[in-house]
Amino acid sequence: MDQFTEDVFGWMSRLDGMIQSIFLGIG
């Protein structure tokens, strides 16, 4: 994988964690 792909996957995983924490905070 090139650097850009790794950055995108890193951002997606971070965003997923943030969204999950937000939903857990609401629920």
C-alpha atoms as a PDB file:
ATOM      1  CA  MET A   1       0.000   0.000   0.000  1.00  0.00           C
ATOM      2  CA  ASP A   2       1.205   3.489  -0.727  1.00  0.00           C
ATOM      3  CA  GLN A   3       1.335   6.295   1.827  1.00  0.00           C
ATOM      4  CA  PHE A   4      -1.936   7.907   0.684  1.00  0.00           C
ATOM      5  CA  THR A   5      -3.891   4.668   1.075  1.00  0.00           C
ATOM      6  CA  GLU A   6      -2.439   4.143   4.546  1.00  0.00           C
ATOM      7  CA  ASP A   7      -3.414   7.705   5.517  1.00  0.00           C
ATOM      8  CA  VAL A   8      -6.969   7.190   4.244  1.00  0.00           C
ATOM      9  CA  PHE A   9      -7.349   3.912   6.149  1.00  0.00           C
ATOM     10  CA  GLY A  10      -5.940   5.552   9.283  1.00  0.00           C
ATOM     11  CA  TRP A  11      -8.418   8.414   8.983  1.00  0.00           C
ATOM     12  CA  MET A  12     -11.317   6.019   8.375  1.00  0.00           C
ATOM     13  CA  SER A  13     -10.467   3.950  11.465  1.00  0.00           C
ATOM     14  CA  ARG A  14     -10.115   7.113  13.589  1.00  0.00           C
ATOM     15  CA  LEU A  15     -13.403   8.492  12.265  1.00  0.00           C
ATOM     16  CA  ASP A  16     -15.100   5.144  12.940  1.00  0.00           C
ATOM     17  CA  GLY A  17     -13.881   5.201  16.539  1.00  0.00           C
ATOM     18  CA  MET A  18     -15.133   8.772  17.002  1.00  0.00           C
ATOM     19  CA  ILE A  19     -18.552   7.931  15.539  1.00  0.00           C
ATOM     20  CA  GLN A  20     -18.854   4.833  17.735  1.00  0.00           C
ATOM     21  CA  SER A  21     -17.961   6.830  20.869  1.00  0.00           C
ATOM     22  CA  ILE A  22     -20.533   9.494  19.920  1.00  0.00           C
ATOM     23  CA  PHE A  23     -23.262   6.892  19.408  1.00  0.00           C
ATOM     24  CA  LEU A  24     -22.312   5.183  22.690  1.00  0.00           C
ATOM     25  CA  GLY A  25     -22.473   8.571  24.422  1.00  0.00           C
ATOM     26  CA  ILE A  26     -25.949   9.218  22.984  1.00  0.00           C
ATOM     27  CA  GLY A  27     -27.263   5.706  23.591  1.00  0.00           C
END
